Amino acid sequence: MSYPPQQPPYGYSAYGPPPDHPQATTILIVGILGLVFCQILGPVAWVMGKKALNEIDASGGTIGGRTNVMVGYVCGIISTCLIVVSLLFLALFLILGLVGVFAGTSSSSY
């Protein structure tokens, strides 16, 4: 005797979870690489992540992968902030170095 298939529990779709965004894994990898190895990838992950999050939100639940995109997006933001802080320290170092060079040459006496 064959029984009909059971209904899924309340709150679950009969078709399974929605498919992930096509770039979800790419954004996650680029964000992690930007944070750990090459910080120049941070802004790329940030921009790609924001675009993908907007697409996921606009899909009305038909596209998944929000967690992976969000992690890559946040890693991109952190990586970009680290770039900005590094550039500020570099600029400060160069300015203080130039002030020291000019201050050392102007105080020479004959």
C-alpha atoms as a PDB file:
ATOM      1  CA  MET A   1       0.000   0.000   0.000  1.00  0.00           C
ATOM      2  CA  SER A   2       1.331   3.440  -0.937  1.00  0.00           C
ATOM      3  CA  TYR A   3       0.814   6.473   1.264  1.00  0.00           C
ATOM      4  CA  PRO A   4       0.716  10.033  -0.096  1.00  0.00           C
ATOM      5  CA  PRO A   5       3.699  12.249   0.779  1.00  0.00           C
ATOM      6  CA  GLN A   6       3.408  14.059   4.086  1.00  0.00           C
ATOM      7  CA  GLN A   7       2.952  17.796   4.244  1.00  0.00           C
ATOM      8  CA  PRO A   8       5.994  19.761   5.400  1.00  0.00           C
ATOM      9  CA  PRO A   9       5.879  21.156   8.952  1.00  0.00           C
ATOM     10  CA  TYR A  10       4.342  24.568   9.477  1.00  0.00           C
ATOM     11  CA  GLY A  11       6.674  27.374   8.413  1.00  0.00           C
ATOM     12  CA  TYR A  12       8.669  25.282   5.925  1.00  0.00           C
ATOM     13  CA  SER A  13       8.338  25.472   2.184  1.00  0.00           C
ATOM     14  CA  ALA A  14       7.434  22.354   0.263  1.00  0.00           C
ATOM     15  CA  TYR A  15      10.153  23.175  -2.256  1.00  0.00           C
ATOM     16  CA  GLY A  16      13.113  23.706   0.081  1.00  0.00           C
ATOM     17  CA  PRO A  17      15.138  26.828   0.744  1.00  0.00           C
ATOM     18  CA  PRO A  18      15.510  29.416  -2.009  1.00  0.00           C
ATOM     19  CA  PRO A  19      18.664  29.251  -4.133  1.00  0.00           C
ATOM     20  CA  ASP A  20      21.593  31.395  -3.038  1.00  0.00           C
ATOM     21  CA  HIS A  21      22.480  34.589  -4.825  1.00  0.00           C
ATOM     22  CA  PRO A  22      24.871  33.749  -7.697  1.00  0.00           C
ATOM     23  CA  GLN A  23      27.608  35.953  -6.199  1.00  0.00           C
ATOM     24  CA  ALA A  24      27.127  35.054  -2.523  1.00  0.00           C
ATOM     25  CA  THR A  25      30.165  32.789  -2.256  1.00  0.00           C
ATOM     26  CA  THR A  26      32.305  35.127  -4.374  1.00  0.00           C
ATOM     27  CA  ILE A  27      31.511  38.078  -2.115  1.00  0.00           C
ATOM     28  CA  LEU A  28      32.299  35.994   0.964  1.00  0.00           C
ATOM     29  CA  ILE A  29      35.678  34.911  -0.434  1.00  0.00           C
ATOM     30  CA  VAL A  30      36.614  38.406  -1.663  1.00  0.00           C
ATOM     31  CA  GLY A  31      35.651  39.899   1.710  1.00  0.00           C
ATOM     32  CA  ILE A  32      37.716  37.405   3.685  1.00  0.00           C
ATOM     33  CA  LEU A  33      40.699  37.772   1.338  1.00  0.00           C
ATOM     34  CA  GLY A  34      40.404  41.548   1.622  1.00  0.00           C
ATOM     35  CA  LEU A  35      40.452  41.342   5.389  1.00  0.00           C
ATOM     36  CA  VAL A  36      43.269  38.819   5.725  1.00  0.00           C
ATOM     37  CA  PHE A  37      45.613  39.115   2.746  1.00  0.00           C
ATOM     38  CA  CYS A  38      44.991  41.951   0.296  1.00  0.00           C
ATOM     39  CA  GLN A  39      43.105  44.900   1.750  1.00  0.00           C
ATOM     40  CA  ILE A  40      42.605  46.487  -1.653  1.00  0.00           C
ATOM     41  CA  LEU A  41      39.863  43.872  -2.216  1.00  0.00           C
ATOM     42  CA  GLY A  42      37.863  45.333   0.689  1.00  0.00           C
ATOM     43  CA  PRO A  43      36.080  48.069  -1.276  1.00  0.00           C
ATOM     44  CA  VAL A  44      35.297  45.532  -4.016  1.00  0.00           C
ATOM     45  CA  ALA A  45      33.586  43.238  -1.490  1.00  0.00           C
ATOM     46  CA  TRP A  46      31.793  46.224   0.023  1.00  0.00           C
ATOM     47  CA  VAL A  47      30.328  47.384  -3.304  1.00  0.00           C
ATOM     48  CA  MET A  48      29.483  43.875  -4.532  1.00  0.00           C
ATOM     49  CA  GLY A  49      27.938  42.998  -1.159  1.00  0.00           C
ATOM     50  CA  LYS A  50      25.735  46.087  -1.068  1.00  0.00           C
ATOM     51  CA  LYS A  51      24.477  45.396  -4.589  1.00  0.00           C
ATOM     52  CA  ALA A  52      23.741  41.739  -3.772  1.00  0.00           C
ATOM     53  CA  LEU A  53      21.981  42.644  -0.506  1.00  0.00           C
ATOM     54  CA  ASN A  54      19.729  45.052  -2.402  1.00  0.00           C
ATOM     55  CA  GLU A  55      18.929  42.308  -4.928  1.00  0.00           C
ATOM     56  CA  ILE A  56      18.174  39.788  -2.166  1.00  0.00           C
ATOM     57  CA  ASP A  57      15.897  42.262  -0.386  1.00  0.00           C
ATOM     58  CA  ALA A  58      14.088  43.124  -3.621  1.00  0.00           C
ATOM     59  CA  SER A  59      13.538  39.458  -4.492  1.00  0.00           C
ATOM     60  CA  GLY A  60      10.895  38.953  -1.833  1.00  0.00           C
ATOM     61  CA  GLY A  61      12.430  35.753  -0.487  1.00  0.00           C
ATOM     62  CA  THR A  62      13.099  34.030  -3.792  1.00  0.00           C
ATOM     63  CA  ILE A  63      16.893  34.497  -3.475  1.00  0.00           C
ATOM     64  CA  GLY A  64      18.846  33.272  -0.449  1.00  0.00           C
ATOM     65  CA  GLY A  65      22.461  33.490   0.656  1.00  0.00           C
ATOM     66  CA  ARG A  66      22.014  36.624   2.739  1.00  0.00           C
ATOM     67  CA  THR A  67      24.339  35.383   5.512  1.00  0.00           C
ATOM     68  CA  ASN A  68      27.288  34.770   3.177  1.00  0.00           C
ATOM     69  CA  VAL A  69      26.773  38.105   1.461  1.00  0.00           C
ATOM     70  CA  MET A  70      26.486  39.920   4.789  1.00  0.00           C
ATOM     71  CA  VAL A  71      29.713  38.393   6.136  1.00  0.00           C
ATOM     72  CA  GLY A  72      31.605  39.362   2.962  1.00  0.00           C
ATOM     73  CA  TYR A  73      30.054  42.834   3.057  1.00  0.00           C
ATOM     74  CA  VAL A  74      31.102  43.447   6.671  1.00  0.00           C
ATOM     75  CA  CYS A  75      34.623  42.098   5.997  1.00  0.00           C
ATOM     76  CA  GLY A  76      34.818  44.538   3.081  1.00  0.00           C
ATOM     77  CA  ILE A  77      33.813  47.456   5.304  1.00  0.00           C
ATOM     78  CA  ILE A  78      36.382  46.516   7.961  1.00  0.00           C
ATOM     79  CA  SER A  79      39.095  46.072   5.332  1.00  0.00           C
ATOM     80  CA  THR A  80      38.292  49.462   3.813  1.00  0.00           C
ATOM     81  CA  CYS A  81      38.496  51.105   7.239  1.00  0.00           C
ATOM     82  CA  LEU A  82      41.899  49.484   7.773  1.00  0.00           C
ATOM     83  CA  ILE A  83      43.077  50.920   4.441  1.00  0.00           C
ATOM     84  CA  VAL A  84      41.943  54.414   5.456  1.00  0.00           C
ATOM     85  CA  VAL A  85      43.660  54.172   8.857  1.00  0.00           C
ATOM     86  CA  SER A  86      46.854  52.876   7.205  1.00  0.00           C
ATOM     87  CA  LEU A  87      46.840  55.737   4.708  1.00  0.00           C
ATOM     88  CA  LEU A  88      46.320  58.266   7.509  1.00  0.00           C
ATOM     89  CA  PHE A  89      49.296  56.851   9.427  1.00  0.00           C
ATOM     90  CA  LEU A  90      51.388  56.894   6.258  1.00  0.00           C
ATOM     91  CA  ALA A  91      50.459  60.519   5.577  1.00  0.00           C
ATOM     92  CA  LEU A  92      51.227  61.464   9.180  1.00  0.00           C
ATOM     93  CA  PHE A  93      54.582  59.679   8.989  1.00  0.00           C
ATOM     94  CA  LEU A  94      55.478  61.453   5.744  1.00  0.00           C
ATOM     95  CA  ILE A  95      54.403  64.859   7.023  1.00  0.00           C
ATOM     96  CA  LEU A  96      56.352  64.466  10.257  1.00  0.00           C
ATOM     97  CA  GLY A  97      59.335  63.181   8.298  1.00  0.00           C
ATOM     98  CA  LEU A  98      59.282  66.156   5.944  1.00  0.00           C
ATOM     99  CA  VAL A  99      58.916  68.585   8.844  1.00  0.00           C
ATOM    100  CA  GLY A 100      61.913  66.944  10.478  1.00  0.00           C
ATOM    101  CA  VAL A 101      63.991  67.174   7.295  1.00  0.00           C
ATOM    102  CA  PHE A 102      63.195  70.845   6.755  1.00  0.00           C
ATOM    103  CA  ALA A 103      63.666  71.663  10.416  1.00  0.00           C
ATOM    104  CA  GLY A 104      67.074  69.975  10.405  1.00  0.00           C
ATOM    105  CA  THR A 105      68.335  71.846   7.308  1.00  0.00           C
ATOM    106  CA  SER A 106      67.117  75.294   8.306  1.00  0.00           C
ATOM    107  CA  SER A 107      68.959  75.339  11.650  1.00  0.00           C
ATOM    108  CA  SER A 108      72.466  74.962  10.217  1.00  0.00           C
ATOM    109  CA  SER A 109      74.841  77.751  11.188  1.00  0.00           C
ATOM    110  CA  TYR A 110      78.059  78.857   9.494  1.00  0.00           C
END
